[in-house]
Protein backbone atom coordinates (compact mmCIF):
# COMPACT_ATOMS: atom_id res chain seq x y z
CA MET A 1 0.00 0.00 0.00
CA PRO A 2 0.32 2.92 0.66
CA PHE A 3 5.14 2.80 2.29
CA SER A 4 6.47 5.53 2.07
CA LEU A 5 5.52 3.37 3.92
CA LEU A 6 6.75 3.94 2.96
CA LEU A 7 6.39 4.55 1.92
CA PHE A 8 9.33 3.99 0.10
CA TRP A 9 10.23 5.23 -2.63
CA ARG A 10 10.67 5.78 -6.30
CA VAL A 11 9.31 9.22 -7.22
CA SER A 12 7.17 9.07 -10.33
CA VAL A 13 4.00 10.55 -11.68
CA ALA A 14 2.50 7.09 -11.71
CA SER A 15 3.05 6.83 -7.97
CA LEU A 16 0.44 9.50 -7.44
CA LEU A 17 -2.17 6.91 -8.42
CA LEU A 18 -1.52 5.35 -5.08
CA CYS A 19 -2.90 6.39 -1.78
CA THR A 20 -5.25 9.30 -1.98
CA THR A 21 -8.05 7.54 -3.86
CA ALA A 22 -6.60 4.80 -6.01
CA CYS A 23 -5.96 2.48 -3.09
CA THR A 24 -9.65 2.23 -2.37
CA GLN A 25 -11.18 2.40 -5.84
CA PRO A 26 -11.68 -0.67 -8.04
CA PRO A 27 -10.03 -0.81 -11.48
CA THR A 28 -11.89 1.11 -14.16
CA GLU A 29 -12.61 0.30 -17.80
CA SER A 30 -10.09 2.97 -18.82
CA THR A 31 -7.43 1.24 -16.73
CA ALA A 32 -8.19 -2.03 -18.49
CA ALA A 33 -7.89 -0.28 -21.85
CA GLN A 34 -4.51 1.15 -20.88
CA LEU A 35 -3.30 -2.26 -19.80
CA SER A 36 -4.18 -3.70 -23.19
CA GLN A 37 -1.69 -1.30 -24.78
CA PHE A 38 1.28 -2.90 -23.01
CA GLN A 39 3.39 -5.28 -25.04
CA GLY A 40 6.11 -7.56 -23.73
CA SER A 41 6.99 -11.06 -22.65
CA VAL A 42 7.98 -12.68 -19.41
CA VAL A 43 11.69 -12.39 -18.69
CA PRO A 44 12.48 -14.80 -15.83
CA ASP A 45 15.31 -14.19 -13.39
CA SER A 46 17.06 -16.71 -11.16
CA SER A 47 16.58 -14.42 -8.15
CA GLY A 48 12.81 -14.64 -8.35
CA TYR A 49 12.33 -11.50 -10.46
CA GLU A 50 10.68 -11.29 -13.83
CA ARG A 51 9.67 -8.55 -16.23
CA ARG A 52 6.28 -8.86 -17.87
CA THR A 53 3.19 -7.01 -18.93
CA PRO A 54 1.72 -5.34 -15.83
CA GLN A 55 -1.63 -6.70 -14.68
CA ASP A 56 -2.36 -3.50 -12.76
CA LEU A 57 -1.24 0.02 -13.71
CA ASN A 58 -0.85 0.78 -10.01
CA GLY A 59 2.17 -1.52 -10.21
CA ILE A 60 5.35 -1.70 -12.24
CA ALA A 61 6.25 -4.24 -14.91
CA LYS A 62 8.40 -6.14 -12.42
CA TYR A 63 7.30 -9.17 -10.43
CA TYR A 64 8.87 -10.96 -7.49
CA MET A 65 7.93 -14.55 -6.77
CA GLY A 66 4.77 -14.05 -8.81
CA ARG A 67 3.77 -10.80 -7.04
CA GLN A 68 3.54 -7.57 -9.00
CA ILE A 69 5.50 -4.80 -7.27
CA ALA A 70 3.45 -1.67 -6.58
CA HIS A 71 4.36 1.87 -7.54
CA VAL A 72 5.88 3.92 -4.78
CA MET A 73 4.36 6.93 -3.13
CA GLY A 74 6.65 9.92 -3.59
CA HIS A 75 7.21 12.74 -1.14
CA GLU A 76 4.44 14.70 -2.89
CA GLY A 77 1.95 12.39 -1.17
CA SER A 78 3.40 12.75 2.32
CA ASP A 79 0.18 14.28 3.68
CA TRP A 80 -1.34 10.81 3.40
CA LEU A 81 1.11 9.57 6.02
CA GLU A 82 0.03 12.18 8.54
CA ARG A 83 -3.73 12.03 7.92
CA PRO A 84 -5.76 12.67 11.12
CA ASP A 85 -7.76 9.44 10.98
CA ARG A 86 -4.75 7.15 10.52
CA GLN A 87 -4.64 6.06 14.15
CA GLN A 88 -8.26 4.96 14.08
CA GLU A 89 -8.07 3.33 10.64
CA GLU A 90 -4.88 1.37 11.28
CA GLY A 91 -4.89 0.96 15.05
CA THR A 92 -1.41 2.47 15.27
CA ASP A 93 -1.50 2.57 19.08
CA ILE A 94 -2.26 -1.17 19.08
CA LEU A 95 0.63 -1.80 16.71
CA LEU A 96 3.11 0.05 18.91
CA ARG A 97 1.94 -1.88 21.96
CA GLU A 98 2.25 -5.22 20.16
CA LEU A 99 5.91 -4.51 19.32
CA ARG A 100 6.79 -4.99 23.00
CA LEU A 101 9.87 -2.81 22.86
CA LYS A 102 12.49 -2.52 25.58
CA PRO A 103 13.76 0.94 26.63
CA THR A 104 17.26 0.14 25.33
CA ASP A 105 16.22 -1.21 21.91
CA VAL A 106 17.67 0.06 18.65
CA VAL A 107 14.75 0.27 16.23
CA ALA A 108 14.81 0.94 12.48
CA ASP A 109 11.73 2.55 10.93
CA LEU A 110 12.22 1.47 7.32
CA GLY A 111 10.36 3.74 4.93
CA ALA A 112 10.03 6.33 7.66
CA GLY A 113 8.68 9.09 5.43
CA THR A 114 7.98 12.17 7.51
CA GLY A 115 8.33 10.18 10.74
CA TYR A 116 4.76 9.21 11.66
CA PHE A 117 5.96 6.06 13.43
CA THR A 118 9.48 7.30 14.14
CA PHE A 119 8.28 9.89 16.64
CA ARG A 120 5.89 7.46 18.28
CA LEU A 121 8.67 4.91 18.66
CA SER A 122 11.16 7.42 20.06
CA PRO A 123 9.70 7.75 23.60
CA LEU A 124 9.35 3.95 23.84
CA VAL A 125 13.14 3.48 23.59
CA PRO A 126 14.52 6.33 25.73
CA GLN A 127 17.87 4.61 26.27
CA GLY A 128 17.97 3.28 22.72
CA LYS A 129 17.50 4.98 19.37
CA VAL A 130 15.34 5.04 16.26
CA LEU A 131 17.03 4.84 12.89
CA ALA A 132 14.62 6.59 10.51
CA VAL A 133 15.36 5.25 7.03
CA ASP A 134 14.11 6.62 3.74
CA ILE A 135 15.59 6.93 0.26
CA GLN A 136 13.99 10.28 -0.51
CA ALA A 137 16.02 13.26 0.70
CA GLU A 138 12.83 15.33 0.75
CA MET A 139 11.28 12.94 3.28
CA LEU A 140 14.34 13.15 5.51
CA THR A 141 14.30 16.95 5.33
CA ALA A 142 10.72 16.92 6.64
CA LEU A 143 11.70 14.35 9.24
CA GLU A 144 14.57 16.53 10.47
CA ALA A 145 12.13 19.40 10.96
CA ASN A 146 9.83 17.11 12.95
CA LYS A 147 12.78 15.89 15.03
CA ALA A 148 13.26 19.44 16.31
CA LYS A 149 9.52 19.86 16.81
CA PHE A 150 9.16 16.66 18.86
CA LYS A 151 12.49 17.08 20.67
CA ALA A 152 13.60 13.56 19.86
CA PRO A 153 17.40 13.39 20.22
CA ASN A 154 17.43 9.60 19.90
CA VAL A 155 16.15 9.77 16.31
CA VAL A 156 18.83 9.30 13.65
CA PRO A 157 17.84 9.95 10.01
CA VAL A 158 19.42 7.49 7.56
CA LEU A 159 19.48 7.87 3.78
CA GLY A 160 19.02 4.44 2.24
CA THR A 161 18.97 3.13 -1.31
CA THR A 162 16.53 0.93 -3.18
CA LYS A 163 18.78 -2.05 -2.41
CA SER A 164 19.98 -1.32 1.11
CA PRO A 165 18.68 0.55 4.17
CA ASN A 166 22.29 1.26 5.21
CA LEU A 167 21.81 -0.15 8.69
CA PRO A 168 24.65 -1.35 10.93
CA ALA A 169 25.42 -5.08 10.70
CA ASN A 170 24.13 -7.06 13.69
CA GLY A 171 23.08 -3.81 15.33
CA VAL A 172 19.28 -3.54 15.18
CA ASP A 173 16.82 -5.08 17.65
CA LEU A 174 13.69 -4.40 15.60
CA VAL A 175 13.09 -3.37 11.99
CA LEU A 176 9.58 -2.00 11.43
CA ILE A 177 8.16 -1.81 7.89
CA VAL A 178 4.60 -0.46 7.66
CA ASP A 179 2.70 -0.70 4.36
CA ALA A 180 5.91 -0.23 2.38
CA TYR A 181 7.48 -3.58 1.62
CA HIS A 182 5.15 -4.31 -1.30
CA GLU A 183 6.55 -1.18 -2.99
CA PHE A 184 10.24 -2.13 -2.74
CA ASP A 185 11.53 -2.59 -6.28
CA HIS A 186 14.47 -4.71 -5.05
CA PRO A 187 12.81 -6.66 -2.23
CA ARG A 188 15.27 -9.55 -2.23
CA GLU A 189 18.34 -7.32 -1.89
CA MET A 190 16.64 -5.03 0.62
CA MET A 191 15.50 -7.83 2.90
CA ARG A 192 18.84 -9.59 2.74
CA ALA A 193 20.37 -6.35 4.03
CA VAL A 194 17.67 -6.15 6.72
CA ARG A 195 18.44 -9.68 7.85
CA ASN A 196 22.13 -8.82 8.13
CA SER A 197 21.29 -5.78 10.28
CA LEU A 198 19.45 -7.81 12.93
CA THR A 199 21.07 -8.79 16.20
CA PRO A 200 20.99 -12.53 17.00
CA THR A 201 17.66 -11.96 18.80
CA GLY A 202 16.50 -9.18 16.45
CA ARG A 203 13.05 -9.11 14.87
CA LEU A 204 11.42 -7.86 11.70
CA ALA A 205 7.90 -6.48 12.15
CA LEU A 206 6.24 -6.50 8.73
CA VAL A 207 2.87 -4.75 8.49
CA GLU A 208 0.75 -5.17 5.34
CA TYR A 209 -2.96 -4.95 4.52
CA ARG A 210 -4.60 -8.38 4.59
CA ALA A 211 -4.92 -9.85 1.10
CA GLU A 212 -7.04 -12.69 2.47
CA ASP A 213 -9.82 -10.30 3.52
CA PRO A 214 -11.94 -8.93 0.64
CA ASN A 215 -13.57 -6.48 3.05
CA VAL A 216 -10.34 -4.51 3.52
CA PRO A 217 -11.01 -1.52 1.20
CA ILE A 218 -7.56 -1.42 -0.41
CA LYS A 219 -6.61 -2.41 -3.93
CA ARG A 220 -5.24 -5.92 -4.18
CA ILE A 221 -1.79 -4.77 -5.31
CA HIS A 222 -1.40 -2.93 -2.00
CA LYS A 223 -2.20 -6.01 0.08
CA MET A 224 -0.17 -9.08 0.99
CA SER A 225 -1.06 -12.52 2.28
CA VAL A 226 0.79 -14.21 5.12
CA ALA A 227 1.69 -17.06 2.76
CA GLN A 228 3.29 -14.70 0.23
CA ALA A 229 5.18 -12.77 2.89
CA LYS A 230 6.41 -15.99 4.47
CA ARG A 231 7.66 -17.26 1.09
CA GLU A 232 9.50 -14.03 0.28
CA MET A 233 11.13 -13.71 3.70
CA ALA A 234 12.23 -17.36 3.64
CA ALA A 235 14.19 -16.60 0.45
CA VAL A 236 16.53 -14.35 2.46
CA GLY A 237 16.79 -16.48 5.60
CA LEU A 238 13.97 -15.05 7.70
CA GLU A 239 11.29 -17.23 9.26
CA LEU A 240 7.86 -16.39 10.59
CA ALA A 241 7.73 -16.40 14.39
CA ASP A 242 4.25 -14.96 14.96
CA THR A 243 1.28 -13.44 13.16
CA ILE A 244 -0.65 -10.92 15.22
CA GLU A 245 -4.17 -10.13 14.01
CA THR A 246 -5.27 -7.43 16.46
CA LEU A 247 -5.04 -4.59 13.92
CA PRO A 248 -8.24 -3.51 12.16
CA GLN A 249 -7.08 -4.17 8.57
CA GLN A 250 -3.44 -5.29 8.56
CA HIS A 251 -1.32 -8.31 9.36
CA LEU A 252 1.46 -7.75 11.87
CA MET A 253 3.98 -10.46 11.01
CA ILE A 254 7.04 -11.03 13.18
CA PHE A 255 10.09 -12.66 11.58
CA HIS A 256 13.52 -13.55 12.90
CA ARG A 257 16.66 -15.11 11.48
CA ALA A 258 16.14 -18.69 10.45
CA LYS A 259 18.05 -21.16 12.61
């Protein structure tokens, strides 16, 4: 959905189709007509990637393990991240509670955007720190301004790339990715780097809209099933430890390094 989640990341005009209305509207006849104009064949890749005609114009012509990768929301759509009803819609207070953080934890907010979660995580780890990662300099500029506003000295902005969050090896207790992973255009490389950043007891908290629930009013390309997430994380050596279903519309999936 919706990562800068992170909302992560590539800035393009097409990305503006994302979160303001397109996430909740069904495909239109005009969209179908546009899709019919695409030409191309499947180009398989040994890493699980393939290039082929996009099934949905809200996604790119790149697939990973059979899943079409969604367009990214650029910094122009950052207001969506700070919308007033987000807490109620997503149960963000429930999510933060379910993370069960320790005061000394080092947490990475991957696809931090303007810092919606970053500045809610900060007071939960007063002796630790929050690494706020984004690949858009514009997002980090806004985040820096919010850092001063919220007086959060334990927040450290980090400029990542589409292939690496630039996190310290074996140095992160929790990596949080909210509604952004499905937009990563190099998910295999990114998650391999995430795995390498985790401490031996570190966790990945992956939050995505439930693909299994047709009543969740989000376009299918912005949802993910537990089975798909489990398959993709296994490819980089991460295994599912728990699935928490207390959020109104999203899975909260906890992964750790495979033994």
